[in-house]
Amino acid sequence: MENCPDVVAITMLACKISECLSEEELETLAADLNLLSDAISSILVRKSLNKNTEPNDG
């Protein structure tokens, strides 16, 4: 359970947000968050690839 606090916090946040937004707003937010997640994942992969292809100074 020590690796789960983020999951619990995110779930609680989602529940609170769902109480404040309409279904349409929730759908839009979910789509936007998926896009954000995909963009961040792409950036991290590119950073990792760039780090692995840089010449070593040692």
N, C-alpha and C. Protein backbone atom coordinates (compact mmCIF):
# COMPACT_ATOMS: atom_id res chain seq x y z
N MET A 1 0.81 -1.21 0.00
CA MET A 1 0.00 0.00 0.00
C MET A 1 0.85 1.27 0.00
N GLU A 2 2.14 1.16 0.29
CA GLU A 2 2.95 2.37 0.35
C GLU A 2 3.10 3.03 -1.01
N ASN A 3 2.87 2.30 -2.08
CA ASN A 3 2.98 2.86 -3.43
C ASN A 3 1.65 3.39 -3.95
N CYS A 4 0.63 3.40 -3.13
CA CYS A 4 -0.72 3.76 -3.58
C CYS A 4 -1.22 5.15 -3.17
N PRO A 5 -0.51 5.95 -2.39
CA PRO A 5 -1.11 7.21 -1.97
C PRO A 5 -1.51 8.11 -3.14
N ASP A 6 -0.72 8.09 -4.23
CA ASP A 6 -1.08 8.91 -5.38
C ASP A 6 -2.40 8.45 -5.99
N VAL A 7 -2.58 7.14 -6.07
CA VAL A 7 -3.81 6.59 -6.64
C VAL A 7 -5.01 7.00 -5.80
N VAL A 8 -4.88 6.91 -4.50
CA VAL A 8 -5.98 7.29 -3.60
C VAL A 8 -6.27 8.77 -3.73
N ALA A 9 -5.24 9.60 -3.73
CA ALA A 9 -5.43 11.05 -3.83
C ALA A 9 -6.07 11.43 -5.16
N ILE A 10 -5.60 10.82 -6.24
CA ILE A 10 -6.16 11.13 -7.56
C ILE A 10 -7.61 10.69 -7.65
N THR A 11 -7.93 9.55 -7.08
CA THR A 11 -9.32 9.07 -7.09
C THR A 11 -10.22 10.01 -6.30
N MET A 12 -9.75 10.44 -5.15
CA MET A 12 -10.54 11.38 -4.35
C MET A 12 -10.73 12.70 -5.08
N LEU A 13 -9.67 13.17 -5.74
CA LEU A 13 -9.76 14.41 -6.52
C LEU A 13 -10.76 14.27 -7.66
N ALA A 14 -10.71 13.14 -8.35
CA ALA A 14 -11.66 12.89 -9.44
C ALA A 14 -13.10 12.92 -8.94
N CYS A 15 -13.33 12.32 -7.79
CA CYS A 15 -14.69 12.32 -7.22
C CYS A 15 -15.15 13.73 -6.90
N LYS A 16 -14.27 14.54 -6.32
CA LYS A 16 -14.63 15.92 -5.98
C LYS A 16 -14.89 16.74 -7.24
N ILE A 17 -14.03 16.56 -8.25
CA ILE A 17 -14.22 17.30 -9.50
C ILE A 17 -15.54 16.90 -10.15
N SER A 18 -15.89 15.62 -10.10
CA SER A 18 -17.12 15.15 -10.73
C SER A 18 -18.36 15.74 -10.07
N GLU A 19 -18.23 16.18 -8.84
CA GLU A 19 -19.35 16.82 -8.15
C GLU A 19 -19.55 18.26 -8.61
N CYS A 20 -18.50 18.85 -9.20
CA CYS A 20 -18.55 20.27 -9.56
C CYS A 20 -18.79 20.54 -11.04
N LEU A 21 -18.50 19.55 -11.89
CA LEU A 21 -18.59 19.75 -13.33
C LEU A 21 -19.73 18.94 -13.93
N SER A 22 -20.22 19.44 -15.04
CA SER A 22 -21.24 18.70 -15.78
C SER A 22 -20.59 17.52 -16.47
N GLU A 23 -21.42 16.61 -16.99
CA GLU A 23 -20.90 15.45 -17.70
C GLU A 23 -20.09 15.88 -18.93
N GLU A 24 -20.57 16.87 -19.64
CA GLU A 24 -19.87 17.37 -20.82
C GLU A 24 -18.52 17.98 -20.43
N GLU A 25 -18.49 18.74 -19.36
CA GLU A 25 -17.23 19.31 -18.89
C GLU A 25 -16.26 18.23 -18.44
N LEU A 26 -16.78 17.19 -17.79
CA LEU A 26 -15.94 16.08 -17.37
C LEU A 26 -15.34 15.35 -18.57
N GLU A 27 -16.14 15.15 -19.60
CA GLU A 27 -15.65 14.49 -20.81
C GLU A 27 -14.54 15.31 -21.46
N THR A 28 -14.73 16.62 -21.53
CA THR A 28 -13.72 17.50 -22.11
C THR A 28 -12.45 17.48 -21.27
N LEU A 29 -12.60 17.56 -19.96
CA LEU A 29 -11.44 17.52 -19.07
C LEU A 29 -10.68 16.21 -19.22
N ALA A 30 -11.41 15.10 -19.27
CA ALA A 30 -10.77 13.79 -19.41
C ALA A 30 -9.99 13.71 -20.72
N ALA A 31 -10.57 14.20 -21.80
CA ALA A 31 -9.88 14.18 -23.09
C ALA A 31 -8.64 15.06 -23.05
N ASP A 32 -8.75 16.23 -22.45
CA ASP A 32 -7.61 17.14 -22.35
C ASP A 32 -6.50 16.54 -21.48
N LEU A 33 -6.86 15.87 -20.40
CA LEU A 33 -5.86 15.25 -19.54
C LEU A 33 -5.18 14.07 -20.23
N ASN A 34 -5.93 13.34 -21.04
CA ASN A 34 -5.31 12.26 -21.84
C ASN A 34 -4.30 12.84 -22.82
N LEU A 35 -4.66 13.94 -23.47
CA LEU A 35 -3.75 14.60 -24.40
C LEU A 35 -2.50 15.08 -23.67
N LEU A 36 -2.68 15.68 -22.50
CA LEU A 36 -1.55 16.14 -21.70
C LEU A 36 -0.64 14.98 -21.33
N SER A 37 -1.23 13.88 -20.90
CA SER A 37 -0.47 12.69 -20.53
C SER A 37 0.34 12.17 -21.71
N ASP A 38 -0.29 12.09 -22.87
CA ASP A 38 0.41 11.62 -24.07
C ASP A 38 1.56 12.55 -24.45
N ALA A 39 1.34 13.85 -24.34
CA ALA A 39 2.38 14.81 -24.68
C ALA A 39 3.57 14.70 -23.72
N ILE A 40 3.28 14.56 -22.43
CA ILE A 40 4.35 14.42 -21.44
C ILE A 40 5.12 13.12 -21.68
N SER A 41 4.41 12.04 -21.97
CA SER A 41 5.07 10.77 -22.26
C SER A 41 5.99 10.90 -23.46
N SER A 42 5.54 11.56 -24.50
CA SER A 42 6.35 11.77 -25.69
C SER A 42 7.60 12.58 -25.38
N ILE A 43 7.45 13.61 -24.59
CA ILE A 43 8.59 14.45 -24.20
C ILE A 43 9.61 13.63 -23.41
N LEU A 44 9.13 12.82 -22.48
CA LEU A 44 10.04 12.00 -21.67
C LEU A 44 10.79 10.98 -22.53
N VAL A 45 10.10 10.37 -23.49
CA VAL A 45 10.76 9.41 -24.38
C VAL A 45 11.83 10.13 -25.20
N ARG A 46 11.50 11.28 -25.74
CA ARG A 46 12.47 12.02 -26.55
C ARG A 46 13.68 12.45 -25.72
N LYS A 47 13.44 12.90 -24.49
CA LYS A 47 14.55 13.27 -23.61
C LYS A 47 15.44 12.06 -23.34
N SER A 48 14.83 10.93 -23.09
CA SER A 48 15.59 9.71 -22.82
C SER A 48 16.41 9.31 -24.04
N LEU A 49 15.80 9.37 -25.21
CA LEU A 49 16.52 9.03 -26.44
C LEU A 49 17.67 10.00 -26.69
N ASN A 50 17.44 11.28 -26.46
CA ASN A 50 18.49 12.28 -26.65
C ASN A 50 19.63 12.07 -25.66
N LYS A 51 19.30 11.72 -24.43
CA LYS A 51 20.31 11.48 -23.42
C LYS A 51 21.17 10.28 -23.80
N ASN A 52 20.54 9.26 -24.37
CA ASN A 52 21.25 8.04 -24.74
C ASN A 52 22.09 8.21 -26.01
N THR A 53 21.83 9.23 -26.80
CA THR A 53 22.57 9.43 -28.05
C THR A 53 23.63 10.52 -27.93
N GLU A 54 23.66 11.25 -26.81
CA GLU A 54 24.69 12.28 -26.62
C GLU A 54 26.05 11.62 -26.39
N PRO A 55 27.09 12.20 -26.97
CA PRO A 55 28.42 11.63 -26.75
C PRO A 55 28.85 11.82 -25.29
N ASN A 56 29.59 10.83 -24.78
CA ASN A 56 30.10 10.91 -23.41
C ASN A 56 31.31 11.83 -23.38
N ASP A 57 31.41 12.62 -22.32
CA ASP A 57 32.55 13.51 -22.15
C ASP A 57 33.70 12.80 -21.43
N GLY A 58 33.47 11.56 -20.99
CA GLY A 58 34.45 10.84 -20.19
C GLY A 58 35.22 9.93 -20.98
